[in-house]
Amino acid sequence: MNYVEWRRVLGCLKWTAIVLIACVALVLFARFSYLDIRPHAAGFSQIYLNSKNLAEFERESSETQTTLSGGITRTTIDNAAMGIRVTIDDHGYWGKHVEIFEKTPPKYAHANKISFGDIHGERIMVPGGSIVRIDEGSLVPEDLGYYFVFACLAALIVATILGAPFARENEGHLELALTKPVSRVNLALQTIGADLAGITVAWAMTVVFLIIGHTIFEAPNFVFGPGDGMAAALGLLAAFGWYAMLNAATASMKRAYGGVLGVAWPVAIGIAGISHAPLGDGPLGRLVHGVAGALTKIFPTSYAHFTFMTGMGSEEHRRALAAPQSDLIILAVLALVYGALAVYQWQRVEA
């Protein structure tokens, strides 16, 4: 058992927990101090309403409030001049149902149908205008898969922190490692196993704290959707592959490995940005795009596609990402190849 590496992992998880607790504390403070949760607050409705006229709409509107059966509070906000009427059924801790009637829908409306997390909105055309129906809160069960996406980011950060275990052994500890009564391959596998366990625990901790943060706002009402298993696997394999890549990049180094860990994110993000940047149709632009596009293939983060969960993006893009099983295979292969390369390099490092 690699005691030293487990100590590193536990230390990383301790600080991860501290950061997550601090984030939940900030959410709790903001929830009761600054966030406007009044029923007539625009919130998600701004996606549909003309945001330039929101202040005018509220100022010149008449508002009535009634109590329906079951303790539901109905607020009606009517602006005859603008041809807008908003009806909010407030179920308290369980969320809201909002209906917005507009005689003249805004021309720049972002979408006619949006579904994200526990917020669902849809515009339908009716005689004399359109109605937007929005359900938010635990009136609509929330897909746990969205939490898995955010947990993937936390797992990637932890993978970066733990991403150079062999380089740490090389820096002043290699002689001690060579005296252990176990082969260097077995020691390497134990080290990798400890780090992968830490990344997995950090991923799970993030999901738990996200659920706690969500519960601060409304009662929990979660479902495990058909794509959630895929989202969890994609996030974890992306973190494993990222960790293995960093380990392979630093396994033969004895110092300055921190520089590799520090520039990995900017390099990956920069190359991905260049590969999608509008550089024109000239020879140089096509060359840069081709080189950047080829380089993105070596980064595991390039295969962590979650667009299939949101229902957003172009139809062509959604079709391309509708079956991300190929991404899972590529991520698994990258993790294994980078992991084997890291172990092979470390075997050859001399004290």
Protein backbone atom coordinates (compact mmCIF):
# COMPACT_ATOMS: atom_id res chain seq x y z
CA MET A 1 0.00 0.00 0.00
CA ASN A 2 1.40 3.39 -1.04
CA TYR A 3 1.02 5.33 2.20
CA VAL A 4 2.60 8.53 0.87
CA GLU A 5 0.28 8.76 -2.13
CA TRP A 6 -2.78 8.06 -0.03
CA ARG A 7 -1.73 10.93 2.23
CA ARG A 8 -1.52 13.19 -0.80
CA VAL A 9 -4.97 12.08 -1.94
CA LEU A 10 -6.51 12.61 1.50
CA GLY A 11 -4.96 16.07 1.72
CA CYS A 12 -6.38 16.99 -1.69
CA LEU A 13 -9.83 15.69 -0.72
CA LYS A 14 -9.70 17.67 2.52
CA TRP A 15 -9.17 20.92 0.64
CA THR A 16 -11.77 19.95 -1.92
CA ALA A 17 -14.28 19.49 0.90
CA ILE A 18 -13.30 22.86 2.41
CA VAL A 19 -13.87 24.63 -0.92
CA LEU A 20 -17.23 22.90 -1.44
CA ILE A 21 -18.37 23.77 2.09
CA ALA A 22 -17.35 27.40 1.52
CA CYS A 23 -19.34 27.46 -1.74
CA VAL A 24 -22.44 26.07 -0.02
CA ALA A 25 -22.02 28.65 2.77
CA LEU A 26 -21.88 31.46 0.18
CA VAL A 27 -25.00 30.11 -1.52
CA LEU A 28 -26.79 29.95 1.83
CA PHE A 29 -25.74 33.53 2.65
CA ALA A 30 -26.79 34.84 -0.76
CA ARG A 31 -30.09 32.96 -0.63
CA PHE A 32 -31.24 34.81 2.46
CA SER A 33 -29.40 38.11 1.96
CA TYR A 34 -29.33 39.23 -1.67
CA LEU A 35 -31.25 36.99 -4.05
CA ASP A 36 -34.62 38.33 -5.17
CA ILE A 37 -37.02 35.40 -4.97
CA ARG A 38 -40.27 37.40 -5.16
CA PRO A 39 -42.91 35.78 -7.36
CA HIS A 40 -42.83 38.66 -9.88
CA ALA A 41 -39.02 38.60 -10.26
CA ALA A 42 -38.26 38.05 -13.94
CA GLY A 43 -35.71 35.24 -13.55
CA PHE A 44 -35.86 32.71 -16.33
CA SER A 45 -38.65 34.70 -18.00
CA GLN A 46 -36.07 37.14 -19.38
CA ILE A 47 -35.17 34.56 -22.01
CA TYR A 48 -38.60 35.21 -23.53
CA LEU A 49 -39.51 38.77 -22.55
CA ASN A 50 -37.94 41.88 -24.03
CA SER A 51 -35.27 42.57 -21.40
CA LYS A 52 -34.99 46.24 -22.44
CA ASN A 53 -38.60 46.82 -21.37
CA LEU A 54 -38.59 44.85 -18.12
CA ALA A 55 -38.24 47.92 -15.92
CA GLU A 56 -40.96 49.74 -17.86
CA PHE A 57 -43.15 46.66 -17.78
CA GLU A 58 -42.98 46.38 -13.98
CA ARG A 59 -43.45 50.13 -13.47
CA GLU A 60 -46.59 50.46 -15.60
CA SER A 61 -48.25 47.15 -14.71
CA SER A 62 -51.14 46.41 -12.40
CA GLU A 63 -50.69 43.51 -10.01
CA THR A 64 -53.28 41.38 -8.23
CA GLN A 65 -52.79 38.44 -5.91
CA THR A 66 -55.15 35.65 -4.94
CA THR A 67 -54.90 32.41 -2.96
CA LEU A 68 -56.00 29.21 -4.68
CA SER A 69 -56.83 25.85 -3.16
CA GLY A 70 -53.86 24.04 -1.68
CA GLY A 71 -52.26 27.28 -0.51
CA ILE A 72 -51.05 28.22 -4.00
CA THR A 73 -50.50 31.95 -4.41
CA ARG A 74 -51.47 33.30 -7.83
CA THR A 75 -50.00 36.63 -8.89
CA THR A 76 -51.26 38.31 -12.05
CA ILE A 77 -49.22 41.15 -13.56
CA ASP A 78 -51.01 42.91 -16.44
CA ASN A 79 -49.68 45.60 -18.77
CA ALA A 80 -52.40 46.44 -21.27
CA ALA A 81 -50.29 49.03 -23.10
CA MET A 82 -47.56 46.52 -23.88
CA GLY A 83 -49.97 43.65 -24.43
CA ILE A 84 -48.30 41.45 -21.81
CA ARG A 85 -49.95 39.52 -19.01
CA VAL A 86 -47.96 37.35 -16.60
CA THR A 87 -49.57 34.77 -14.31
CA ILE A 88 -47.44 33.15 -11.60
CA ASP A 89 -48.69 30.23 -9.55
CA ASP A 90 -46.31 30.07 -6.59
CA HIS A 91 -46.19 26.67 -4.90
CA GLY A 92 -43.71 27.95 -2.33
CA TYR A 93 -40.80 25.61 -1.68
CA TRP A 94 -41.96 23.40 -4.54
CA GLY A 95 -41.42 25.97 -7.26
CA LYS A 96 -43.51 28.06 -9.67
CA HIS A 97 -45.58 27.73 -12.81
CA VAL A 98 -45.46 30.87 -14.98
CA GLU A 99 -47.54 31.78 -18.03
CA ILE A 100 -46.67 34.84 -20.11
CA PHE A 101 -49.11 36.06 -22.75
CA GLU A 102 -47.70 38.50 -25.32
CA LYS A 103 -49.60 40.08 -28.20
CA THR A 104 -46.29 40.81 -29.94
CA PRO A 105 -43.53 38.32 -29.12
CA PRO A 106 -39.99 39.77 -29.21
CA LYS A 107 -38.29 39.25 -32.56
CA TYR A 108 -34.99 38.25 -30.97
CA ALA A 109 -36.43 35.52 -28.71
CA HIS A 110 -33.58 33.10 -28.00
CA ALA A 111 -35.62 29.93 -28.30
CA ASN A 112 -39.17 28.63 -28.46
CA LYS A 113 -38.38 25.67 -26.23
CA ILE A 114 -35.69 25.33 -23.58
CA SER A 115 -35.16 22.59 -21.03
CA PHE A 116 -32.27 22.81 -18.60
CA GLY A 117 -32.12 21.25 -15.18
CA ASP A 118 -35.32 21.94 -13.27
CA ILE A 119 -36.36 24.78 -15.61
CA HIS A 120 -38.56 24.09 -18.61
CA GLY A 121 -39.99 26.75 -20.91
CA GLU A 122 -41.96 26.62 -24.13
CA ARG A 123 -43.59 29.24 -26.36
CA ILE A 124 -46.77 28.29 -28.20
CA MET A 125 -48.70 30.44 -30.67
CA VAL A 126 -52.33 31.18 -29.80
CA PRO A 127 -54.97 33.44 -31.40
CA GLY A 128 -53.95 37.03 -30.80
CA GLY A 129 -50.34 36.36 -29.77
CA SER A 130 -48.31 33.72 -27.96
CA ILE A 131 -48.11 32.11 -24.54
CA VAL A 132 -44.90 31.12 -22.81
CA ARG A 133 -45.29 28.39 -20.19
CA ILE A 134 -42.46 28.02 -17.69
CA ASP A 135 -42.19 25.43 -14.95
CA GLU A 136 -39.39 25.84 -12.47
CA GLY A 137 -38.45 24.27 -9.20
CA SER A 138 -39.30 20.82 -7.99
CA LEU A 139 -42.65 20.93 -9.75
CA VAL A 140 -40.53 19.43 -12.53
CA PRO A 141 -38.15 16.62 -11.50
CA GLU A 142 -34.52 17.58 -12.10
CA ASP A 143 -32.19 15.37 -14.05
CA LEU A 144 -29.17 14.40 -11.96
CA GLY A 145 -27.05 14.32 -15.11
CA TYR A 146 -26.54 18.07 -14.99
CA TYR A 147 -24.82 17.69 -11.63
CA PHE A 148 -22.56 15.08 -13.17
CA VAL A 149 -21.40 17.66 -15.71
CA PHE A 150 -20.31 20.09 -12.99
CA ALA A 151 -18.76 17.25 -11.01
CA CYS A 152 -16.65 16.47 -14.08
CA LEU A 153 -15.06 19.92 -13.81
CA ALA A 154 -14.20 19.35 -10.14
CA ALA A 155 -12.77 15.93 -10.98
CA LEU A 156 -10.60 17.50 -13.71
CA ILE A 157 -9.22 20.03 -11.22
CA VAL A 158 -8.39 17.28 -8.71
CA ALA A 159 -6.85 15.24 -11.53
CA THR A 160 -4.60 18.20 -12.31
CA ILE A 161 -3.49 18.52 -8.68
CA LEU A 162 -2.70 14.80 -8.46
CA GLY A 163 -1.39 14.56 -12.02
CA ALA A 164 2.34 14.13 -11.43
CA PRO A 165 2.80 11.38 -8.81
CA PHE A 166 5.86 9.81 -10.45
CA ALA A 167 7.58 13.16 -10.88
CA ARG A 168 7.07 13.79 -7.17
CA GLU A 169 8.72 10.46 -6.41
CA ASN A 170 11.60 11.35 -8.73
CA GLU A 171 12.27 14.59 -6.86
CA GLY A 172 14.32 13.33 -3.92
CA HIS A 173 12.29 10.19 -3.18
CA LEU A 174 13.26 7.83 -6.00
CA GLU A 175 15.97 6.10 -3.98
CA LEU A 176 13.42 5.30 -1.25
CA ALA A 177 10.90 4.04 -3.81
CA LEU A 178 13.48 1.65 -5.25
CA THR A 179 14.08 0.08 -1.82
CA LYS A 180 10.45 -0.94 -1.31
CA PRO A 181 9.84 -4.73 -1.40
CA VAL A 182 7.60 -4.50 -4.45
CA SER A 183 8.26 -4.17 -8.16
CA ARG A 184 8.22 -0.70 -9.60
CA VAL A 185 5.25 -1.61 -11.85
CA ASN A 186 3.19 -2.75 -8.85
CA LEU A 187 4.14 0.39 -6.95
CA ALA A 188 3.15 2.50 -9.96
CA LEU A 189 -0.21 0.75 -10.26
CA GLN A 190 -0.87 1.24 -6.54
CA THR A 191 -0.06 4.93 -6.91
CA ILE A 192 -2.35 5.32 -9.91
CA GLY A 193 -5.11 3.40 -8.13
CA ALA A 194 -4.94 5.71 -5.12
CA ASP A 195 -5.14 8.80 -7.34
CA LEU A 196 -8.05 7.46 -9.41
CA ALA A 197 -9.90 6.63 -6.20
CA GLY A 198 -9.33 10.21 -5.01
CA ILE A 199 -10.63 11.64 -8.30
CA THR A 200 -13.74 9.46 -8.05
CA VAL A 201 -14.41 10.51 -4.46
CA ALA A 202 -13.98 14.18 -5.39
CA TRP A 203 -16.51 13.70 -8.21
CA ALA A 204 -19.01 12.10 -5.81
CA MET A 205 -18.43 14.79 -3.16
CA THR A 206 -19.20 17.49 -5.71
CA VAL A 207 -22.49 15.83 -6.64
CA VAL A 208 -23.48 15.61 -2.97
CA PHE A 209 -22.66 19.26 -2.29
CA LEU A 210 -24.50 20.37 -5.44
CA ILE A 211 -27.59 18.57 -4.19
CA ILE A 212 -27.20 20.29 -0.81
CA GLY A 213 -26.84 23.67 -2.51
CA HIS A 214 -29.92 23.01 -4.63
CA THR A 215 -31.93 22.03 -1.55
CA ILE A 216 -31.23 25.47 -0.07
CA PHE A 217 -33.49 26.91 -2.77
CA GLU A 218 -36.16 24.25 -3.13
CA ALA A 219 -37.23 20.77 -2.11
CA PRO A 220 -35.24 17.99 -3.79
CA ASN A 221 -37.01 16.22 -6.61
CA PHE A 222 -34.48 14.34 -8.73
CA VAL A 223 -34.67 11.71 -11.45
CA PHE A 224 -31.99 9.57 -13.02
CA GLY A 225 -32.51 10.17 -16.72
CA PRO A 226 -31.62 7.86 -19.60
CA GLY A 227 -28.46 9.82 -20.42
CA ASP A 228 -27.22 10.26 -16.86
CA GLY A 229 -25.15 7.09 -16.77
CA MET A 230 -23.46 8.22 -19.96
CA ALA A 231 -22.79 11.66 -18.47
CA ALA A 232 -21.23 10.14 -15.34
CA ALA A 233 -19.04 7.81 -17.37
CA LEU A 234 -17.94 10.60 -19.72
CA GLY A 235 -17.02 12.90 -16.84
CA LEU A 236 -15.05 10.30 -14.91
CA LEU A 237 -13.24 8.94 -17.96
CA ALA A 238 -12.36 12.47 -19.07
CA ALA A 239 -10.83 13.12 -15.62
CA PHE A 240 -9.00 9.78 -15.66
CA GLY A 241 -7.65 10.45 -19.14
CA TRP A 242 -6.57 13.98 -18.19
CA TYR A 243 -4.77 12.61 -15.11
CA ALA A 244 -3.06 9.91 -17.19
CA MET A 245 -1.96 12.45 -19.81
CA LEU A 246 -0.39 14.73 -17.19
CA ASN A 247 1.25 11.73 -15.54
CA ALA A 248 2.71 10.62 -18.87
CA ALA A 249 3.97 14.15 -19.57
CA THR A 250 5.81 14.36 -16.22
CA ALA A 251 6.76 10.76 -15.35
CA SER A 252 10.41 11.13 -16.38
CA MET A 253 10.87 14.61 -14.88
CA LYS A 254 12.72 15.20 -11.62
CA ARG A 255 11.83 18.86 -11.21
CA ALA A 256 9.81 21.66 -12.81
CA TYR A 257 6.83 19.34 -13.27
CA GLY A 258 4.65 22.07 -11.75
CA GLY A 259 5.12 24.08 -14.92
CA VAL A 260 3.58 21.29 -16.98
CA LEU A 261 0.58 21.08 -14.65
CA GLY A 262 0.24 24.87 -14.69
CA VAL A 263 0.19 25.33 -18.47
CA ALA A 264 -1.89 22.24 -19.31
CA TRP A 265 -5.24 23.99 -19.00
CA PRO A 266 -4.28 27.18 -20.92
CA VAL A 267 -2.69 25.10 -23.69
CA ALA A 268 -5.71 22.79 -24.03
CA ILE A 269 -8.19 25.68 -23.99
CA GLY A 270 -6.06 27.79 -26.35
CA ILE A 271 -5.63 25.04 -28.94
CA ALA A 272 -9.34 24.21 -28.80
CA GLY A 273 -10.14 27.91 -29.29
CA ILE A 274 -7.83 28.20 -32.29
CA SER A 275 -9.34 25.09 -33.88
CA HIS A 276 -12.77 26.80 -33.85
CA ALA A 277 -11.63 30.39 -34.50
CA PRO A 278 -12.74 32.06 -37.77
CA LEU A 279 -9.38 32.27 -39.56
CA GLY A 280 -10.71 32.57 -43.09
CA ASP A 281 -10.50 30.21 -46.05
CA GLY A 282 -6.93 31.06 -47.01
CA PRO A 283 -4.13 28.47 -47.05
CA LEU A 284 -2.67 29.73 -43.76
CA GLY A 285 -6.03 29.68 -42.01
CA ARG A 286 -6.75 26.14 -43.19
CA LEU A 287 -3.27 25.04 -42.12
CA VAL A 288 -3.64 26.50 -38.63
CA HIS A 289 -7.10 24.97 -38.29
CA GLY A 290 -5.81 21.58 -39.41
CA VAL A 291 -2.86 21.59 -37.03
CA ALA A 292 -4.93 22.83 -34.08
CA GLY A 293 -7.70 20.34 -34.85
CA ALA A 294 -5.19 17.47 -34.93
CA LEU A 295 -3.64 18.58 -31.62
CA THR A 296 -7.03 18.69 -29.89
CA LYS A 297 -7.33 14.94 -30.48
CA ILE A 298 -4.62 14.23 -27.91
CA PHE A 299 -6.49 16.03 -25.11
CA PRO A 300 -9.09 13.88 -23.30
CA THR A 301 -11.16 16.97 -22.57
CA SER A 302 -11.92 17.24 -26.29
CA TYR A 303 -14.14 14.17 -26.00
CA ALA A 304 -16.16 15.23 -22.94
CA HIS A 305 -19.27 16.17 -24.91
CA PHE A 306 -22.41 16.83 -22.88
CA THR A 307 -24.52 18.67 -25.45
CA PHE A 308 -26.61 15.53 -25.97
CA MET A 309 -28.17 16.21 -22.52
CA THR A 310 -29.32 19.81 -23.01
CA GLY A 311 -31.30 19.61 -26.24
CA MET A 312 -29.60 22.87 -27.26
CA GLY A 313 -27.36 23.63 -30.19
CA SER A 314 -27.94 23.10 -33.89
CA GLU A 315 -29.82 20.06 -35.15
CA GLU A 316 -26.68 18.85 -36.91
CA HIS A 317 -24.65 19.20 -33.72
CA ARG A 318 -27.25 17.32 -31.67
CA ARG A 319 -27.34 14.49 -34.18
CA ALA A 320 -23.54 14.26 -34.15
CA LEU A 321 -23.52 13.95 -30.36
CA ALA A 322 -26.64 11.85 -29.97
CA ALA A 323 -24.61 8.65 -29.45
CA PRO A 324 -21.48 9.54 -27.43
CA GLN A 325 -20.45 5.90 -26.98
CA SER A 326 -17.54 6.53 -29.33
CA ASP A 327 -16.30 9.26 -26.97
CA LEU A 328 -16.33 6.76 -24.10
CA ILE A 329 -14.23 4.33 -26.11
CA ILE A 330 -11.72 7.01 -27.14
CA LEU A 331 -11.42 8.29 -23.57
CA ALA A 332 -10.86 4.78 -22.24
CA VAL A 333 -8.17 4.14 -24.86
CA LEU A 334 -6.44 7.46 -24.13
CA ALA A 335 -6.44 6.76 -20.39
CA LEU A 336 -4.93 3.31 -20.90
CA VAL A 337 -2.33 4.49 -23.44
CA TYR A 338 -1.23 7.50 -21.37
CA GLY A 339 -1.21 5.39 -18.20
CA ALA A 340 0.96 2.70 -19.81
CA LEU A 341 3.31 5.36 -21.19
CA ALA A 342 3.66 6.92 -17.73
CA VAL A 343 4.48 3.56 -16.09
CA TYR A 344 6.93 2.69 -18.88
CA GLN A 345 8.78 6.01 -18.49
CA TRP A 346 8.94 5.71 -14.73
CA GLN A 347 10.44 2.24 -14.99
CA ARG A 348 13.34 3.70 -16.93
CA VAL A 349 14.07 6.62 -14.61
CA GLU A 350 17.36 6.16 -12.77
CA ALA A 351 18.10 7.48 -9.29
